[in-house]
Amino acid sequence: MTSSALDIAALDCEMVYTTGGFRIARVSVVDASGESVFDEFIKMDDGVEVVYVHIPFSPSIRNAIRVSLTWKFYA
């Protein structure tokens, strides 16, 4: 019998501030060996725009989120 269940997994979520409040922007899951089994950006609802990404330790993630999501800047 083959199973797709993981004995051990780690979950990481990237959060952003938006015009609709604090929202999830990315979900990543790795297995026990550190291999990625799921890594997806979450589409914002229509009309919701990202205003701030606070990811101080991962500039590559921050840049990927900036490219992937709709932005509205406030001066």
PDB file of N, CA and C in Angstrom:
ATOM      1  N   MET A   1       0.847  -1.184   0.000  1.00  0.00           N
ATOM      2  CA  MET A   1       0.000   0.000   0.000  1.00  0.00           C
ATOM      3  C   MET A   1       0.888   1.242   0.000  1.00  0.00           C
ATOM      4  N   THR A   2       0.592   2.180  -0.870  1.00  0.00           N
ATOM      5  CA  THR A   2       1.356   3.425  -0.961  1.00  0.00           C
ATOM      6  C   THR A   2       0.582   4.549  -0.296  1.00  0.00           C
ATOM      7  N   SER A   3       1.291   5.360   0.473  1.00  0.00           N
ATOM      8  CA  SER A   3       0.645   6.473   1.158  1.00  0.00           C
ATOM      9  C   SER A   3       1.344   7.774   0.796  1.00  0.00           C
ATOM     10  N   SER A   4       0.589   8.845   0.690  1.00  0.00           N
ATOM     11  CA  SER A   4       1.182  10.145   0.411  1.00  0.00           C
ATOM     12  C   SER A   4       1.319  10.981   1.676  1.00  0.00           C
ATOM     13  N   ALA A   5       0.976  10.407   2.823  1.00  0.00           N
ATOM     14  CA  ALA A   5       1.088  11.123   4.091  1.00  0.00           C
ATOM     15  C   ALA A   5       2.551  11.267   4.489  1.00  0.00           C
ATOM     16  N   LEU A   6       2.863  12.367   5.146  1.00  0.00           N
ATOM     17  CA  LEU A   6       4.218  12.603   5.634  1.00  0.00           C
ATOM     18  C   LEU A   6       4.285  12.266   7.118  1.00  0.00           C
ATOM     19  N   ASP A   7       5.357  11.568   7.526  1.00  0.00           N
ATOM     20  CA  ASP A   7       5.547  11.299   8.949  1.00  0.00           C
ATOM     21  C   ASP A   7       5.898  12.593   9.685  1.00  0.00           C
ATOM     22  N   ILE A   8       6.732  13.403   9.057  1.00  0.00           N
ATOM     23  CA  ILE A   8       7.141  14.689   9.635  1.00  0.00           C
ATOM     24  C   ILE A   8       7.096  15.739   8.536  1.00  0.00           C
ATOM     25  N   ALA A   9       6.564  16.902   8.854  1.00  0.00           N
ATOM     26  CA  ALA A   9       6.523  18.015   7.905  1.00  0.00           C
ATOM     27  C   ALA A   9       6.686  19.325   8.674  1.00  0.00           C
ATOM     28  N   ALA A  10       7.205  20.313   7.983  1.00  0.00           N
ATOM     29  CA  ALA A  10       7.310  21.652   8.562  1.00  0.00           C
ATOM     30  C   ALA A  10       6.547  22.617   7.665  1.00  0.00           C
ATOM     31  N   LEU A  11       5.829  23.536   8.274  1.00  0.00           N
ATOM     32  CA  LEU A  11       4.996  24.492   7.561  1.00  0.00           C
ATOM     33  C   LEU A  11       5.507  25.900   7.849  1.00  0.00           C
ATOM     34  N   ASP A  12       5.597  26.716   6.801  1.00  0.00           N
ATOM     35  CA  ASP A  12       5.991  28.115   6.950  1.00  0.00           C
ATOM     36  C   ASP A  12       5.011  28.972   6.173  1.00  0.00           C
ATOM     37  N   CYS A  13       4.593  30.064   6.775  1.00  0.00           N
ATOM     38  CA  CYS A  13       3.681  30.997   6.115  1.00  0.00           C
ATOM     39  C   CYS A  13       4.298  32.388   6.125  1.00  0.00           C
ATOM     40  N   GLU A  14       4.247  33.047   4.985  1.00  0.00           N
ATOM     41  CA  GLU A  14       4.708  34.432   4.884  1.00  0.00           C
ATOM     42  C   GLU A  14       3.478  35.322   4.946  1.00  0.00           C
ATOM     43  N   MET A  15       3.536  36.326   5.814  1.00  0.00           N
ATOM     44  CA  MET A  15       2.403  37.212   6.021  1.00  0.00           C
ATOM     45  C   MET A  15       2.725  38.608   5.503  1.00  0.00           C
ATOM     46  N   VAL A  16       1.702  39.321   5.051  1.00  0.00           N
ATOM     47  CA  VAL A  16       1.865  40.686   4.547  1.00  0.00           C
ATOM     48  C   VAL A  16       0.739  41.563   5.100  1.00  0.00           C
ATOM     49  N   TYR A  17       1.015  42.851   5.170  1.00  0.00           N
ATOM     50  CA  TYR A  17      -0.018  43.828   5.501  1.00  0.00           C
ATOM     51  C   TYR A  17      -0.650  44.297   4.196  1.00  0.00           C
ATOM     52  N   THR A  18      -1.982  44.345   4.163  1.00  0.00           N
ATOM     53  CA  THR A  18      -2.696  44.719   2.942  1.00  0.00           C
ATOM     54  C   THR A  18      -3.760  45.773   3.264  1.00  0.00           C
ATOM     55  N   THR A  19      -4.401  46.253   2.209  1.00  0.00           N
ATOM     56  CA  THR A  19      -5.517  47.174   2.396  1.00  0.00           C
ATOM     57  C   THR A  19      -6.700  46.472   3.052  1.00  0.00           C
ATOM     58  N   GLY A  20      -6.681  45.148   3.124  1.00  0.00           N
ATOM     59  CA  GLY A  20      -7.725  44.369   3.784  1.00  0.00           C
ATOM     60  C   GLY A  20      -7.297  43.802   5.119  1.00  0.00           C
ATOM     61  N   GLY A  21      -6.156  44.263   5.639  1.00  0.00           N
ATOM     62  CA  GLY A  21      -5.648  43.771   6.916  1.00  0.00           C
ATOM     63  C   GLY A  21      -4.453  42.844   6.727  1.00  0.00           C
ATOM     64  N   PHE A  22      -4.110  42.108   7.780  1.00  0.00           N
ATOM     65  CA  PHE A  22      -2.985  41.186   7.778  1.00  0.00           C
ATOM     66  C   PHE A  22      -3.400  39.919   7.044  1.00  0.00           C
ATOM     67  N   ARG A  23      -2.672  39.535   5.978  1.00  0.00           N
ATOM     68  CA  ARG A  23      -3.057  38.388   5.150  1.00  0.00           C
ATOM     69  C   ARG A  23      -1.877  37.449   4.919  1.00  0.00           C
ATOM     70  N   ILE A  24      -2.196  36.208   4.620  1.00  0.00           N
ATOM     71  CA  ILE A  24      -1.176  35.227   4.250  1.00  0.00           C
ATOM     72  C   ILE A  24      -0.839  35.421   2.772  1.00  0.00           C
ATOM     73  N   ALA A  25       0.469  35.356   2.440  1.00  0.00           N
ATOM     74  CA  ALA A  25       0.901  35.571   1.057  1.00  0.00           C
ATOM     75  C   ALA A  25       1.572  34.347   0.447  1.00  0.00           C
ATOM     76  N   ARG A  26       2.139  33.489   1.286  1.00  0.00           N
ATOM     77  CA  ARG A  26       2.833  32.310   0.765  1.00  0.00           C
ATOM     78  C   ARG A  26       2.802  31.197   1.804  1.00  0.00           C
ATOM     79  N   VAL A  27       2.630  29.963   1.329  1.00  0.00           N
ATOM     80  CA  VAL A  27       2.649  28.780   2.189  1.00  0.00           C
ATOM     81  C   VAL A  27       3.687  27.811   1.644  1.00  0.00           C
ATOM     82  N   SER A  28       4.568  27.342   2.513  1.00  0.00           N
ATOM     83  CA  SER A  28       5.591  26.372   2.122  1.00  0.00           C
ATOM     84  C   SER A  28       5.563  25.203   3.096  1.00  0.00           C
ATOM     85  N   VAL A  29       5.737  23.992   2.568  1.00  0.00           N
ATOM     86  CA  VAL A  29       5.821  22.778   3.386  1.00  0.00           C
ATOM     87  C   VAL A  29       7.029  21.984   2.923  1.00  0.00           C
ATOM     88  N   VAL A  30       7.826  21.508   3.891  1.00  0.00           N
ATOM     89  CA  VAL A  30       8.957  20.625   3.582  1.00  0.00           C
ATOM     90  C   VAL A  30       8.796  19.330   4.355  1.00  0.00           C
ATOM     91  N   ASP A  31       9.382  18.255   3.808  1.00  0.00           N
ATOM     92  CA  ASP A  31       9.332  16.965   4.488  1.00  0.00           C
ATOM     93  C   ASP A  31      10.505  16.831   5.461  1.00  0.00           C
ATOM     94  N   ALA A  32      10.654  15.664   6.064  1.00  0.00           N
ATOM     95  CA  ALA A  32      11.677  15.434   7.080  1.00  0.00           C
ATOM     96  C   ALA A  32      13.100  15.603   6.545  1.00  0.00           C
ATOM     97  N   SER A  33      13.300  15.429   5.243  1.00  0.00           N
ATOM     98  CA  SER A  33      14.637  15.590   4.664  1.00  0.00           C
ATOM     99  C   SER A  33      14.875  17.022   4.172  1.00  0.00           C
ATOM    100  N   GLY A  34      13.895  17.907   4.361  1.00  0.00           N
ATOM    101  CA  GLY A  34      14.043  19.293   3.933  1.00  0.00           C
ATOM    102  C   GLY A  34      13.645  19.559   2.494  1.00  0.00           C
ATOM    103  N   GLU A  35      13.111  18.554   1.834  1.00  0.00           N
ATOM    104  CA  GLU A  35      12.661  18.709   0.449  1.00  0.00           C
ATOM    105  C   GLU A  35      11.295  19.393   0.414  1.00  0.00           C
ATOM    106  N   SER A  36      11.148  20.340  -0.496  1.00  0.00           N
ATOM    107  CA  SER A  36       9.890  21.053  -0.633  1.00  0.00           C
ATOM    108  C   SER A  36       8.819  20.122  -1.201  1.00  0.00           C
ATOM    109  N   VAL A  37       7.659  20.084  -0.533  1.00  0.00           N
ATOM    110  CA  VAL A  37       6.533  19.303  -1.040  1.00  0.00           C
ATOM    111  C   VAL A  37       5.368  20.212  -1.442  1.00  0.00           C
ATOM    112  N   PHE A  38       5.426  21.489  -1.022  1.00  0.00           N
ATOM    113  CA  PHE A  38       4.398  22.453  -1.383  1.00  0.00           C
ATOM    114  C   PHE A  38       4.970  23.848  -1.198  1.00  0.00           C
ATOM    115  N   ASP A  39       4.789  24.713  -2.183  1.00  0.00           N
ATOM    116  CA  ASP A  39       5.299  26.079  -2.095  1.00  0.00           C
ATOM    117  C   ASP A  39       4.476  26.941  -3.044  1.00  0.00           C
ATOM    118  N   GLU A  40       3.545  27.682  -2.495  1.00  0.00           N
ATOM    119  CA  GLU A  40       2.617  28.453  -3.333  1.00  0.00           C
ATOM    120  C   GLU A  40       2.391  29.845  -2.773  1.00  0.00           C
ATOM    121  N   PHE A  41       2.243  30.818  -3.681  1.00  0.00           N
ATOM    122  CA  PHE A  41       1.813  32.150  -3.315  1.00  0.00           C
ATOM    123  C   PHE A  41       0.290  32.162  -3.283  1.00  0.00           C
ATOM    124  N   ILE A  42      -0.268  32.971  -2.400  1.00  0.00           N
ATOM    125  CA  ILE A  42      -1.713  33.058  -2.247  1.00  0.00           C
ATOM    126  C   ILE A  42      -2.198  34.338  -2.923  1.00  0.00           C
ATOM    127  N   LYS A  43      -3.153  34.208  -3.818  1.00  0.00           N
ATOM    128  CA  LYS A  43      -3.702  35.367  -4.523  1.00  0.00           C
ATOM    129  C   LYS A  43      -4.569  36.173  -3.571  1.00  0.00           C
ATOM    130  N   MET A  44      -4.380  37.480  -3.602  1.00  0.00           N
ATOM    131  CA  MET A  44      -5.206  38.358  -2.791  1.00  0.00           C
ATOM    132  C   MET A  44      -6.605  38.450  -3.398  1.00  0.00           C
ATOM    133  N   ASP A  45      -7.593  38.738  -2.557  1.00  0.00           N
ATOM    134  CA  ASP A  45      -8.956  38.965  -3.044  1.00  0.00           C
ATOM    135  C   ASP A  45      -8.965  40.170  -3.972  1.00  0.00           C
ATOM    136  N   ASP A  46      -9.927  40.219  -4.863  1.00  0.00           N
ATOM    137  CA  ASP A  46     -10.071  41.377  -5.754  1.00  0.00           C
ATOM    138  C   ASP A  46     -10.160  42.653  -4.929  1.00  0.00           C
ATOM    139  N   GLY A  47      -9.389  43.655  -5.323  1.00  0.00           N
ATOM    140  CA  GLY A  47      -9.407  44.942  -4.638  1.00  0.00           C
ATOM    141  C   GLY A  47      -8.485  45.043  -3.441  1.00  0.00           C
ATOM    142  N   VAL A  48      -7.901  43.926  -3.005  1.00  0.00           N
ATOM    143  CA  VAL A  48      -6.971  43.938  -1.871  1.00  0.00           C
ATOM    144  C   VAL A  48      -5.560  44.087  -2.408  1.00  0.00           C
ATOM    145  N   GLU A  49      -4.830  45.067  -1.882  1.00  0.00           N
ATOM    146  CA  GLU A  49      -3.473  45.338  -2.347  1.00  0.00           C
ATOM    147  C   GLU A  49      -2.491  45.270  -1.191  1.00  0.00           C
ATOM    148  N   VAL A  50      -1.312  44.754  -1.454  1.00  0.00           N
ATOM    149  CA  VAL A  50      -0.255  44.652  -0.449  1.00  0.00           C
ATOM    150  C   VAL A  50       0.343  46.034  -0.228  1.00  0.00           C
ATOM    151  N   VAL A  51       0.484  46.403   1.044  1.00  0.00           N
ATOM    152  CA  VAL A  51       1.097  47.695   1.360  1.00  0.00           C
ATOM    153  C   VAL A  51       2.438  47.539   2.065  1.00  0.00           C
ATOM    154  N   TYR A  52       2.705  46.366   2.677  1.00  0.00           N
ATOM    155  CA  TYR A  52       3.977  46.199   3.386  1.00  0.00           C
ATOM    156  C   TYR A  52       4.276  44.716   3.571  1.00  0.00           C
ATOM    157  N   VAL A  53       5.528  44.348   3.297  1.00  0.00           N
ATOM    158  CA  VAL A  53       6.016  42.986   3.536  1.00  0.00           C
ATOM    159  C   VAL A  53       7.117  43.080   4.569  1.00  0.00           C
ATOM    160  N   HIS A  54       6.959  42.393   5.701  1.00  0.00           N
ATOM    161  CA  HIS A  54       7.981  42.420   6.747  1.00  0.00           C
ATOM    162  C   HIS A  54       8.623  41.038   6.837  1.00  0.00           C
ATOM    163  N   ILE A  55       9.694  40.851   6.076  1.00  0.00           N
ATOM    164  CA  ILE A  55      10.434  39.589   6.088  1.00  0.00           C
ATOM    165  C   ILE A  55      11.919  39.946   6.193  1.00  0.00           C
ATOM    166  N   PRO A  56      12.378  40.317   7.377  1.00  0.00           N
ATOM    167  CA  PRO A  56      13.740  40.838   7.518  1.00  0.00           C
ATOM    168  C   PRO A  56      14.840  39.829   7.234  1.00  0.00           C
ATOM    169  N   PHE A  57      14.570  38.546   7.373  1.00  0.00           N
ATOM    170  CA  PHE A  57      15.632  37.555   7.246  1.00  0.00           C
ATOM    171  C   PHE A  57      15.686  36.870   5.892  1.00  0.00           C
ATOM    172  N   SER A  58      14.801  37.220   4.991  1.00  0.00           N
ATOM    173  CA  SER A  58      14.747  36.524   3.717  1.00  0.00           C
ATOM    174  C   SER A  58      14.463  37.487   2.571  1.00  0.00           C
ATOM    175  N   PRO A  59      15.466  38.257   2.127  1.00  0.00           N
ATOM    176  CA  PRO A  59      15.205  39.204   1.044  1.00  0.00           C
ATOM    177  C   PRO A  59      14.764  38.552  -0.256  1.00  0.00           C
ATOM    178  N   SER A  60      15.188  37.315  -0.531  1.00  0.00           N
ATOM    179  CA  SER A  60      14.754  36.657  -1.765  1.00  0.00           C
ATOM    180  C   SER A  60      13.259  36.372  -1.724  1.00  0.00           C
ATOM    181  N   ILE A  61      12.744  35.994  -0.579  1.00  0.00           N
ATOM    182  CA  ILE A  61      11.304  35.777  -0.419  1.00  0.00           C
ATOM    183  C   ILE A  61      10.573  37.105  -0.563  1.00  0.00           C
ATOM    184  N   ARG A  62      11.093  38.143   0.085  1.00  0.00           N
ATOM    185  CA  ARG A  62      10.473  39.467   0.015  1.00  0.00           C
ATOM    186  C   ARG A  62      10.369  39.931  -1.440  1.00  0.00           C
ATOM    187  N   ASN A  63      11.444  39.748  -2.203  1.00  0.00           N
ATOM    188  CA  ASN A  63      11.431  40.158  -3.611  1.00  0.00           C
ATOM    189  C   ASN A  63      10.443  39.334  -4.425  1.00  0.00           C
ATOM    190  N   ALA A  64      10.369  38.042  -4.164  1.00  0.00           N
ATOM    191  CA  ALA A  64       9.427  37.179  -4.888  1.00  0.00           C
ATOM    192  C   ALA A  64       7.993  37.605  -4.606  1.00  0.00           C
ATOM    193  N   ILE A  65       7.702  37.939  -3.352  1.00  0.00           N
ATOM    194  CA  ILE A  65       6.350  38.372  -3.003  1.00  0.00           C
ATOM    195  C   ILE A  65       6.039  39.697  -3.668  1.00  0.00           C
ATOM    196  N   ARG A  66       6.998  40.602  -3.685  1.00  0.00           N
ATOM    197  CA  ARG A  66       6.780  41.898  -4.325  1.00  0.00           C
ATOM    198  C   ARG A  66       6.439  41.735  -5.806  1.00  0.00           C
ATOM    199  N   VAL A  67       7.112  40.821  -6.474  1.00  0.00           N
ATOM    200  CA  VAL A  67       6.869  40.599  -7.899  1.00  0.00           C
ATOM    201  C   VAL A  67       5.517  39.910  -8.114  1.00  0.00           C
ATOM    202  N   SER A  68       5.117  39.036  -7.203  1.00  0.00           N
ATOM    203  CA  SER A  68       3.942  38.195  -7.393  1.00  0.00           C
ATOM    204  C   SER A  68       2.613  38.847  -7.027  1.00  0.00           C
ATOM    205  N   LEU A  69       2.642  39.835  -6.164  1.00  0.00           N
ATOM    206  CA  LEU A  69       1.402  40.381  -5.640  1.00  0.00           C
ATOM    207  C   LEU A  69       1.163  41.801  -6.130  1.00  0.00           C
ATOM    208  N   THR A  70      -0.065  42.244  -6.024  1.00  0.00           N
ATOM    209  CA  THR A  70      -0.427  43.610  -6.394  1.00  0.00           C
ATOM    210  C   THR A  70      -0.047  44.552  -5.267  1.00  0.00           C
ATOM    211  N   TRP A  71       0.581  45.667  -5.633  1.00  0.00           N
ATOM    212  CA  TRP A  71       1.059  46.627  -4.639  1.00  0.00           C
ATOM    213  C   TRP A  71       0.349  47.957  -4.755  1.00  0.00           C
ATOM    214  N   LYS A  72       0.163  48.598  -3.629  1.00  0.00           N
ATOM    215  CA  LYS A  72      -0.268  49.989  -3.593  1.00  0.00           C
ATOM    216  C   LYS A  72       0.562  50.654  -2.506  1.00  0.00           C
ATOM    217  N   PHE A  73       1.298  51.688  -2.864  1.00  0.00           N
ATOM    218  CA  PHE A  73       2.158  52.366  -1.907  1.00  0.00           C
ATOM    219  C   PHE A  73       1.484  53.619  -1.391  1.00  0.00           C
ATOM    220  N   TYR A  74       1.659  53.872  -0.122  1.00  0.00           N
ATOM    221  CA  TYR A  74       1.142  55.075   0.503  1.00  0.00           C
ATOM    222  C   TYR A  74       2.312  55.928   0.949  1.00  0.00           C
ATOM    223  N   ALA A  75       2.309  57.197   0.580  1.00  0.00           N
ATOM    224  CA  ALA A  75       3.402  58.101   0.947  1.00  0.00           C
ATOM    225  C   ALA A  75       3.109  58.753   2.275  1.00  0.00           C
TER     226      ALA A  75
END
